[in-house]
Amino acid sequence: MSSPLDPALLQRLSPEPAKRIDEVIGYFRREKRPVELFEALKMKSRLAHQLPMIAAPDVSLEAETQGDVLIQRQLEDDLLDACRQAGAMLIESGKIGEGYMYLRPVGDNALIKRLLDAVEIDDDNYDEMTHVLLHEGVDLGRGYLAVIQQQGTCNSITLYDQAIANRSKADRQIASSVLLNHFYDELNSLVRDDFANRAASNGVDPAETQRALDNLSLGDLVCKYTWIMGGGGYHLDTTHLASVIRFATVLDQPELIDKAHQLCQYGRRLAADFQYPGDEPFVDFYPAYTAFFSALMGQNVDSSLRLFEQKARTVDPITQGSGAIETYIDLLDRTGSPAKALRAAIELFPADVPVGRVMPEMMAMATRAIQSGDDLIASKLENFCFERGDLLGVAAVSELTKPSKTG
């Protein structure tokens, strides 16, 4: 139900339609009435294009505009601008869900993010904010962090497995980095507090204790002072630790890879009862993930590649899936050998895996291989696609060999 109007308002309105609708728009802006503002902006647009401000019932826009495509496009542009203005006003007034519904057709996530940056997440708007930020993808990192802070690590891990694990690599990297940083900071704080409290009783000089706290990372701390993990204890849920490490394989930033590696050092010193097996090629969970992250850090690269190559060539993809093959290829590529990675993919990928599923990654590896000087890789990929009966792939590979533009 609309709010009652001041009777004097009617006397102040211009009798001329174009001026009157502008005055009505101004009124709705001042009164912060976004839904009415939206309708008024639509009316202004129709009037500007010589159409009745209120559309007649059962008359199509095409009939109204007599098929004039230019006018139809201008009306659509004006409608999107009305959505933009009304949606912004709704969000600024705290109506997040309604505002997003107006802004969604605009397709300007940067605008929506700017508007939501000014909104603090609280108990009242948590559901709407996390839906828009996380599930609609406006600001995945902030939305996922809100879930961690509101619902805890366990629920956020479940959410990752259910709603993020099958999303794009970029989305998985955002969520995984948020979870890794949160978990690492919490574990690091607990371990350091534990170390400080027990150092003297374990024969550590106070000056050494302070130096250790000031200079040693979490991984170095648990490696040097093994008694921190003595007695079969742990500082945070060990299933959460394993999940955070599992998700972190998608990350590229050196500082995040280092944190994941440190979590592996912690995990390797847990009692055997808390070291659960993983899926291939990470059945031997902490040693295998340590090798993976070490290689990404430029440490023990050759031995790590041999480990994962052996897994790729021996693990049965029919019963265990293609994870071992994919991990080996990924590690080859990320340690600076895209040509070897692509050749391994061509050789090892199971015949029942559709080429289209892996073609984007293979094209990216081929591009990097060509940039590193391997001029033969394109023809190998072309033959691979042809032998697999994938003409779409054959067509795509032609882009790798097209002459570069000069002049």
Protein backbone atom coordinates (compact mmCIF):
# COMPACT_ATOMS: atom_id res chain seq x y z
CA MET A 1 0.00 0.00 0.00
CA SER A 2 1.41 3.39 -1.01
CA SER A 3 2.10 6.04 1.60
CA PRO A 4 -0.38 8.96 1.68
CA LEU A 5 0.70 12.06 -0.23
CA ASP A 6 0.66 15.68 0.88
CA PRO A 7 -2.43 17.24 -0.78
CA ALA A 8 -0.37 20.35 -1.57
CA LEU A 9 1.95 18.27 -3.74
CA LEU A 10 -0.57 18.07 -6.57
CA GLN A 11 -0.78 21.86 -6.72
CA ARG A 12 2.98 22.10 -7.12
CA LEU A 13 3.24 19.64 -10.00
CA SER A 14 3.56 21.01 -13.51
CA PRO A 15 0.63 20.33 -15.87
CA GLU A 16 3.11 19.58 -18.69
CA PRO A 17 3.75 15.78 -18.88
CA ALA A 18 7.54 15.85 -19.40
CA LYS A 19 8.07 18.30 -16.54
CA ARG A 20 5.62 16.46 -14.30
CA ILE A 21 7.29 13.09 -14.67
CA ASP A 22 10.66 14.72 -13.90
CA GLU A 23 9.14 16.23 -10.75
CA VAL A 24 7.69 12.85 -9.77
CA ILE A 25 11.11 11.22 -10.28
CA GLY A 26 12.69 13.89 -8.10
CA TYR A 27 10.10 13.24 -5.39
CA PHE A 28 10.76 9.52 -5.35
CA ARG A 29 14.51 10.14 -5.17
CA ARG A 30 14.13 12.44 -2.18
CA GLU A 31 11.75 10.07 -0.43
CA LYS A 32 13.99 7.03 -1.12
CA ARG A 33 11.24 5.04 -2.82
CA PRO A 34 13.16 2.86 -5.30
CA VAL A 35 10.30 0.74 -6.65
CA GLU A 36 8.23 3.79 -7.55
CA LEU A 37 11.39 5.45 -8.92
CA PHE A 38 11.87 2.48 -11.23
CA GLU A 39 8.33 2.77 -12.59
CA ALA A 40 8.65 6.54 -13.01
CA LEU A 41 11.90 6.18 -14.96
CA LYS A 42 10.19 3.67 -17.27
CA MET A 43 7.35 6.14 -17.81
CA LYS A 44 9.81 8.94 -18.62
CA SER A 45 11.53 6.72 -21.18
CA ARG A 46 8.25 5.82 -22.88
CA LEU A 47 7.20 9.43 -23.01
CA ALA A 48 10.53 10.45 -24.52
CA HIS A 49 9.89 7.99 -27.37
CA GLN A 50 6.35 9.25 -28.04
CA LEU A 51 4.70 6.31 -26.33
CA PRO A 52 1.96 6.46 -23.65
CA MET A 53 3.55 6.56 -20.20
CA ILE A 54 1.39 3.60 -19.18
CA ALA A 55 1.38 0.80 -21.73
CA ALA A 56 -2.00 -0.34 -22.97
CA PRO A 57 -2.94 -3.87 -21.86
CA ASP A 58 -2.17 -6.74 -24.24
CA VAL A 59 -0.18 -4.57 -26.64
CA SER A 60 3.32 -5.80 -27.42
CA LEU A 61 6.32 -3.49 -27.47
CA GLU A 62 6.92 -4.44 -31.09
CA ALA A 63 3.41 -3.30 -31.98
CA GLU A 64 3.80 -0.09 -29.99
CA THR A 65 7.05 0.79 -31.72
CA GLN A 66 5.85 -0.43 -35.12
CA GLY A 67 8.85 -2.73 -35.27
CA ASP A 68 11.40 0.08 -34.89
CA VAL A 69 14.40 -1.85 -33.56
CA LEU A 70 16.34 1.30 -32.67
CA ILE A 71 13.57 2.58 -30.41
CA GLN A 72 13.22 -0.85 -28.82
CA ARG A 73 16.94 -0.90 -28.02
CA GLN A 74 16.78 2.61 -26.57
CA LEU A 75 13.85 1.59 -24.38
CA GLU A 76 15.79 -1.48 -23.23
CA ASP A 77 18.82 0.68 -22.39
CA ASP A 78 16.61 3.06 -20.41
CA LEU A 79 15.05 0.10 -18.61
CA LEU A 80 18.48 -1.17 -17.57
CA ASP A 81 19.36 2.30 -16.31
CA ALA A 82 16.14 2.32 -14.27
CA CYS A 83 17.11 -1.08 -12.86
CA ARG A 84 20.54 0.31 -11.98
CA GLN A 85 19.16 3.31 -10.13
CA ALA A 86 16.42 1.45 -8.28
CA GLY A 87 18.70 -1.45 -7.37
CA ALA A 88 21.36 0.87 -5.99
CA MET A 89 18.81 2.68 -3.86
CA LEU A 90 17.41 -0.60 -2.53
CA ILE A 91 20.86 -1.87 -1.52
CA GLU A 92 21.74 1.45 0.08
CA SER A 93 18.54 1.15 2.13
CA GLY A 94 19.52 -2.34 3.30
CA LYS A 95 17.26 -4.37 1.00
CA ILE A 96 20.01 -6.55 -0.42
CA GLY A 97 17.98 -9.27 -2.10
CA GLU A 98 15.51 -6.90 -3.74
CA GLY A 99 18.31 -4.62 -4.87
CA TYR A 100 20.20 -7.47 -6.45
CA MET A 101 17.12 -8.61 -8.37
CA TYR A 102 16.94 -5.17 -9.99
CA LEU A 103 20.68 -5.03 -10.65
CA ARG A 104 21.10 -8.56 -11.95
CA PRO A 105 19.81 -7.78 -15.48
CA VAL A 106 22.32 -4.91 -15.70
CA GLY A 107 25.20 -7.41 -15.56
CA ASP A 108 27.53 -4.99 -13.76
CA ASN A 109 29.01 -7.04 -10.92
CA ALA A 110 31.63 -4.37 -10.30
CA LEU A 111 28.85 -1.89 -9.46
CA ILE A 112 27.08 -4.40 -7.22
CA LYS A 113 30.34 -5.18 -5.43
CA ARG A 114 31.01 -1.47 -4.83
CA LEU A 115 27.55 -1.04 -3.36
CA LEU A 116 27.89 -4.11 -1.14
CA ASP A 117 31.37 -3.08 0.02
CA ALA A 118 29.64 -0.35 2.00
CA VAL A 119 27.27 -2.82 3.69
CA GLU A 120 28.42 -4.54 6.87
CA ILE A 121 27.41 -8.19 7.12
CA ASP A 122 25.34 -8.81 10.26
CA ASP A 123 22.84 -11.36 11.56
CA ASP A 124 19.94 -9.62 9.84
CA ASN A 125 21.39 -9.55 6.32
CA TYR A 126 23.75 -12.56 6.50
CA ASP A 127 21.62 -14.86 4.33
CA GLU A 128 21.02 -12.27 1.62
CA MET A 129 24.60 -11.03 1.61
CA THR A 130 26.17 -14.48 1.39
CA HIS A 131 23.72 -15.50 -1.32
CA VAL A 132 24.62 -12.51 -3.48
CA LEU A 133 28.33 -12.44 -2.67
CA LEU A 134 29.06 -16.16 -2.77
CA HIS A 135 26.36 -18.04 -4.64
CA GLU A 136 25.79 -15.31 -7.23
CA GLY A 137 29.55 -14.76 -7.50
CA VAL A 138 29.65 -11.01 -6.87
CA ASP A 139 32.47 -11.28 -4.32
CA LEU A 140 33.17 -14.95 -3.64
CA GLY A 141 36.06 -14.31 -1.26
CA ARG A 142 34.10 -12.01 1.05
CA GLY A 143 31.04 -14.23 0.96
CA TYR A 144 33.01 -17.38 1.77
CA LEU A 145 34.88 -15.65 4.59
CA ALA A 146 31.52 -14.60 6.05
CA VAL A 147 30.41 -18.25 6.02
CA ILE A 148 33.62 -19.30 7.80
CA GLN A 149 33.21 -16.62 10.43
CA GLN A 150 29.49 -17.22 10.94
CA GLN A 151 29.22 -21.01 10.59
CA GLY A 152 32.74 -22.24 11.32
CA THR A 153 35.32 -24.28 9.47
CA CYS A 154 33.34 -27.53 9.35
CA ASN A 155 30.32 -26.03 7.58
CA SER A 156 32.51 -23.99 5.25
CA ILE A 157 34.36 -27.14 4.17
CA THR A 158 31.04 -28.86 3.49
CA LEU A 159 29.96 -25.84 1.47
CA TYR A 160 33.18 -25.95 -0.55
CA ASP A 161 32.67 -29.61 -1.42
CA GLN A 162 29.01 -29.09 -2.30
CA ALA A 163 28.94 -25.70 -4.02
CA ILE A 164 32.47 -24.62 -4.98
CA ALA A 165 34.49 -27.72 -5.89
CA ASN A 166 32.85 -27.95 -9.33
CA ARG A 167 33.10 -24.26 -10.13
CA SER A 168 35.83 -22.62 -12.20
CA LYS A 169 39.47 -22.81 -11.18
CA ALA A 170 39.44 -19.08 -10.42
CA ASP A 171 36.52 -19.51 -8.01
CA ARG A 172 38.16 -22.48 -6.32
CA GLN A 173 41.38 -20.49 -5.92
CA ILE A 174 39.52 -17.62 -4.25
CA ALA A 175 37.66 -19.84 -1.80
CA SER A 176 40.63 -22.08 -1.09
CA SER A 177 42.90 -19.11 -0.34
CA VAL A 178 40.34 -17.69 2.11
CA LEU A 179 39.98 -21.02 3.89
CA LEU A 180 43.72 -21.70 3.93
CA ASN A 181 44.57 -18.29 5.39
CA HIS A 182 41.85 -18.59 8.03
CA PHE A 183 42.84 -22.09 9.09
CA TYR A 184 46.58 -21.40 8.98
CA ASP A 185 46.26 -18.27 11.13
CA GLU A 186 44.15 -20.10 13.70
CA LEU A 187 46.46 -23.12 13.89
CA ASN A 188 49.59 -20.97 13.92
CA SER A 189 48.23 -18.97 16.87
CA LEU A 190 47.30 -22.08 18.84
CA VAL A 191 50.66 -23.77 18.23
CA ARG A 192 52.60 -20.66 19.23
CA ASP A 193 50.56 -20.27 22.42
CA ASP A 194 51.14 -23.92 23.24
CA PHE A 195 54.87 -23.60 22.54
CA ALA A 196 55.19 -20.49 24.71
CA ASN A 197 53.33 -22.16 27.58
CA ARG A 198 55.33 -25.41 27.52
CA ALA A 199 58.77 -24.27 26.38
CA ALA A 200 60.34 -23.90 29.84
CA SER A 201 59.13 -27.31 31.00
CA ASN A 202 60.78 -28.82 27.89
CA GLY A 203 64.14 -27.24 28.62
CA VAL A 204 63.95 -24.28 26.26
CA ASP A 205 65.71 -21.14 27.42
CA PRO A 206 63.40 -18.07 27.56
CA ALA A 207 65.62 -16.15 25.12
CA GLU A 208 65.49 -19.06 22.67
CA THR A 209 61.74 -19.26 23.11
CA GLN A 210 61.35 -15.64 22.08
CA ARG A 211 63.69 -16.04 19.11
CA ALA A 212 61.71 -19.06 17.96
CA LEU A 213 58.42 -17.20 18.23
CA ASP A 214 59.88 -14.23 16.37
CA ASN A 215 61.70 -16.04 13.58
CA LEU A 216 60.29 -19.51 12.96
CA SER A 217 57.31 -20.32 10.77
CA LEU A 218 54.68 -22.79 11.88
CA GLY A 219 56.35 -25.55 9.85
CA ASP A 220 59.80 -24.81 11.21
CA LEU A 221 58.48 -24.65 14.76
CA VAL A 222 56.91 -28.12 14.72
CA CYS A 223 59.93 -29.58 12.90
CA LYS A 224 62.49 -28.20 15.34
CA TYR A 225 60.56 -28.68 18.58
CA THR A 226 59.02 -32.09 18.05
CA TRP A 227 57.60 -32.20 21.58
CA ILE A 228 54.92 -29.74 20.45
CA MET A 229 53.22 -32.71 18.81
CA GLY A 230 54.11 -35.16 21.54
CA GLY A 231 51.61 -37.29 23.38
CA GLY A 232 49.34 -37.85 20.40
CA GLY A 233 47.68 -34.45 20.67
CA TYR A 234 46.55 -31.94 18.09
CA HIS A 235 45.52 -28.29 18.09
CA LEU A 236 42.67 -28.19 15.55
CA ASP A 237 40.34 -30.77 14.03
CA THR A 238 42.54 -33.05 11.94
CA THR A 239 39.85 -33.77 9.34
CA HIS A 240 39.62 -30.03 8.72
CA LEU A 241 43.39 -29.89 8.32
CA ALA A 242 43.26 -32.60 5.65
CA SER A 243 40.46 -30.84 3.75
CA VAL A 244 42.26 -27.48 3.74
CA ILE A 245 45.38 -29.15 2.32
CA ARG A 246 43.34 -31.04 -0.27
CA PHE A 247 41.68 -27.86 -1.52
CA ALA A 248 44.99 -25.96 -1.62
CA THR A 249 46.40 -27.87 -4.62
CA VAL A 250 44.67 -25.40 -6.93
CA LEU A 251 46.59 -22.42 -5.55
CA ASP A 252 49.43 -20.69 -7.42
CA GLN A 253 50.68 -17.90 -5.13
CA PRO A 254 54.04 -18.83 -3.58
CA GLU A 255 53.10 -17.59 -0.10
CA LEU A 256 49.95 -19.72 -0.09
CA ILE A 257 51.77 -22.79 -1.37
CA ASP A 258 54.29 -22.28 1.44
CA LYS A 259 51.48 -22.18 4.00
CA ALA A 260 49.98 -25.38 2.60
CA HIS A 261 53.43 -26.99 2.78
CA GLN A 262 53.75 -25.94 6.43
CA LEU A 263 50.37 -27.51 7.20
CA CYS A 264 51.72 -30.73 5.70
CA GLN A 265 54.71 -30.55 8.07
CA TYR A 266 52.30 -30.24 10.95
CA GLY A 267 50.17 -33.11 9.66
CA ARG A 268 53.16 -35.42 9.21
CA ARG A 269 53.86 -35.10 12.94
CA LEU A 270 50.38 -36.06 14.04
CA ALA A 271 49.88 -39.40 15.69
CA ALA A 272 49.22 -42.20 13.19
CA ASP A 273 45.57 -42.38 14.25
CA PHE A 274 45.06 -38.87 12.91
CA GLN A 275 46.80 -39.37 9.56
CA TYR A 276 43.99 -40.54 7.35
CA PRO A 277 44.58 -41.92 3.85
CA GLY A 278 43.55 -39.85 0.84
CA ASP A 279 42.51 -40.63 -2.69
CA GLU A 280 45.04 -41.49 -5.39
CA PRO A 281 47.63 -40.21 -5.94
CA PHE A 282 47.55 -38.98 -2.34
CA VAL A 283 46.79 -42.23 -0.52
CA ASP A 284 49.88 -41.67 1.63
CA PHE A 285 48.34 -38.34 2.48
CA TYR A 286 50.88 -36.01 4.12
CA PRO A 287 54.06 -37.34 2.43
CA ALA A 288 52.39 -37.15 -0.99
CA TYR A 289 51.02 -33.64 -0.49
CA THR A 290 54.39 -32.57 0.93
CA ALA A 291 56.06 -33.79 -2.28
CA PHE A 292 53.46 -31.96 -4.39
CA PHE A 293 53.83 -28.60 -2.65
CA SER A 294 57.62 -28.99 -2.38
CA ALA A 295 57.86 -29.33 -6.15
CA LEU A 296 55.76 -26.19 -6.63
CA MET A 297 58.21 -24.42 -4.30
CA GLY A 298 61.14 -25.57 -6.47
CA GLN A 299 62.33 -28.18 -3.95
CA ASN A 300 62.95 -31.85 -4.79
CA VAL A 301 61.24 -31.35 -8.14
CA ASP A 302 62.72 -34.38 -9.90
CA SER A 303 61.96 -36.82 -7.10
CA SER A 304 58.43 -35.48 -6.76
CA LEU A 305 57.80 -35.81 -10.48
CA ARG A 306 59.08 -39.38 -10.42
CA LEU A 307 56.69 -40.17 -7.57
CA PHE A 308 53.65 -38.78 -9.39
CA GLU A 309 54.71 -40.23 -12.75
CA GLN A 310 54.89 -43.66 -11.15
CA LYS A 311 51.37 -43.12 -9.78
CA ALA A 312 50.10 -41.89 -13.15
CA ARG A 313 51.41 -44.99 -14.90
CA THR A 314 50.33 -47.59 -12.34
CA VAL A 315 47.07 -46.42 -10.77
CA ASP A 316 44.14 -48.00 -12.61
CA PRO A 317 41.99 -45.15 -13.96
CA ILE A 318 39.00 -47.47 -14.35
CA THR A 319 38.77 -48.22 -10.63
CA GLN A 320 40.55 -45.19 -9.16
CA GLY A 321 39.68 -42.44 -11.64
CA SER A 322 42.04 -40.21 -13.59
CA GLY A 323 43.25 -38.17 -10.60
CA ALA A 324 46.76 -39.62 -10.65
CA ILE A 325 47.19 -38.79 -14.34
CA GLU A 326 45.75 -35.30 -13.95
CA THR A 327 47.98 -34.56 -10.95
CA TYR A 328 51.14 -35.63 -12.77
CA ILE A 329 50.26 -33.55 -15.84
CA ASP A 330 49.37 -30.55 -13.69
CA LEU A 331 52.63 -30.79 -11.75
CA LEU A 332 54.72 -31.07 -14.91
CA ASP A 333 53.05 -28.00 -16.35
CA ARG A 334 53.31 -25.93 -13.16
CA THR A 335 56.98 -26.78 -12.64
CA GLY A 336 57.92 -25.35 -16.01
CA SER A 337 57.53 -28.25 -18.44
CA PRO A 338 54.34 -27.58 -20.43
CA ALA A 339 55.56 -29.55 -23.46
CA LYS A 340 56.29 -32.63 -21.33
CA ALA A 341 52.95 -32.16 -19.62
CA LEU A 342 51.07 -32.11 -22.91
CA ARG A 343 52.96 -35.13 -24.24
CA ALA A 344 52.12 -36.98 -21.02
CA ALA A 345 48.47 -36.02 -21.44
CA ILE A 346 48.44 -37.28 -25.02
CA GLU A 347 50.06 -40.55 -23.96
CA LEU A 348 48.26 -41.25 -20.70
CA PHE A 349 44.79 -39.83 -20.86
CA PRO A 350 42.18 -42.62 -20.79
CA ALA A 351 40.44 -43.32 -24.08
CA ASP A 352 36.99 -42.95 -22.51
CA VAL A 353 37.61 -39.36 -21.37
CA PRO A 354 36.08 -36.94 -23.92
CA VAL A 355 38.74 -34.70 -25.42
CA GLY A 356 36.43 -31.71 -25.12
CA ARG A 357 36.55 -31.98 -21.32
CA VAL A 358 40.30 -31.39 -21.21
CA MET A 359 40.81 -29.39 -24.41
CA PRO A 360 40.99 -25.93 -22.76
CA GLU A 361 43.84 -27.08 -20.50
CA MET A 362 45.61 -28.85 -23.36
CA MET A 363 45.39 -25.75 -25.55
CA ALA A 364 46.81 -23.62 -22.74
CA MET A 365 49.70 -26.05 -22.23
CA ALA A 366 50.36 -26.12 -25.98
CA THR A 367 50.48 -22.33 -26.08
CA ARG A 368 53.01 -22.25 -23.25
CA ALA A 369 55.04 -25.00 -24.91
CA ILE A 370 55.18 -23.08 -28.20
CA GLN A 371 56.21 -19.93 -26.34
CA SER A 372 59.06 -21.91 -24.78
CA GLY A 373 60.30 -22.99 -28.21
CA ASP A 374 58.57 -26.32 -28.93
CA ASP A 375 57.35 -25.93 -32.51
CA LEU A 376 56.25 -29.57 -32.92
CA ILE A 377 53.73 -29.74 -30.12
CA ALA A 378 50.84 -28.31 -32.14
CA SER A 379 51.02 -31.10 -34.71
CA LYS A 380 51.11 -33.71 -31.94
CA LEU A 381 47.99 -32.21 -30.36
CA GLU A 382 46.31 -32.05 -33.77
CA ASN A 383 47.02 -35.75 -34.41
CA PHE A 384 45.81 -36.62 -30.90
CA CYS A 385 42.49 -34.87 -31.49
CA PHE A 386 42.08 -36.44 -34.91
CA GLU A 387 42.81 -39.94 -33.61
CA ARG A 388 40.21 -39.39 -30.88
CA GLY A 389 37.67 -38.34 -33.52
CA ASP A 390 37.45 -34.79 -32.19
CA LEU A 391 37.20 -32.44 -35.18
CA LEU A 392 36.37 -29.53 -32.88
CA GLY A 393 39.77 -30.00 -31.28
CA VAL A 394 41.41 -30.25 -34.70
CA ALA A 395 39.82 -26.93 -35.62
CA ALA A 396 40.93 -25.31 -32.36
CA VAL A 397 44.55 -26.41 -32.80
CA SER A 398 44.74 -24.47 -36.08
CA GLU A 399 44.87 -21.29 -34.01
CA LEU A 400 48.17 -22.41 -32.56
CA THR A 401 49.80 -22.54 -35.97
CA LYS A 402 48.23 -19.55 -37.72
CA PRO A 403 50.76 -17.00 -39.02
CA SER A 404 51.31 -14.06 -36.71
CA LYS A 405 50.26 -10.63 -37.94
CA THR A 406 53.07 -8.28 -38.81
CA GLY A 407 53.51 -4.87 -40.24
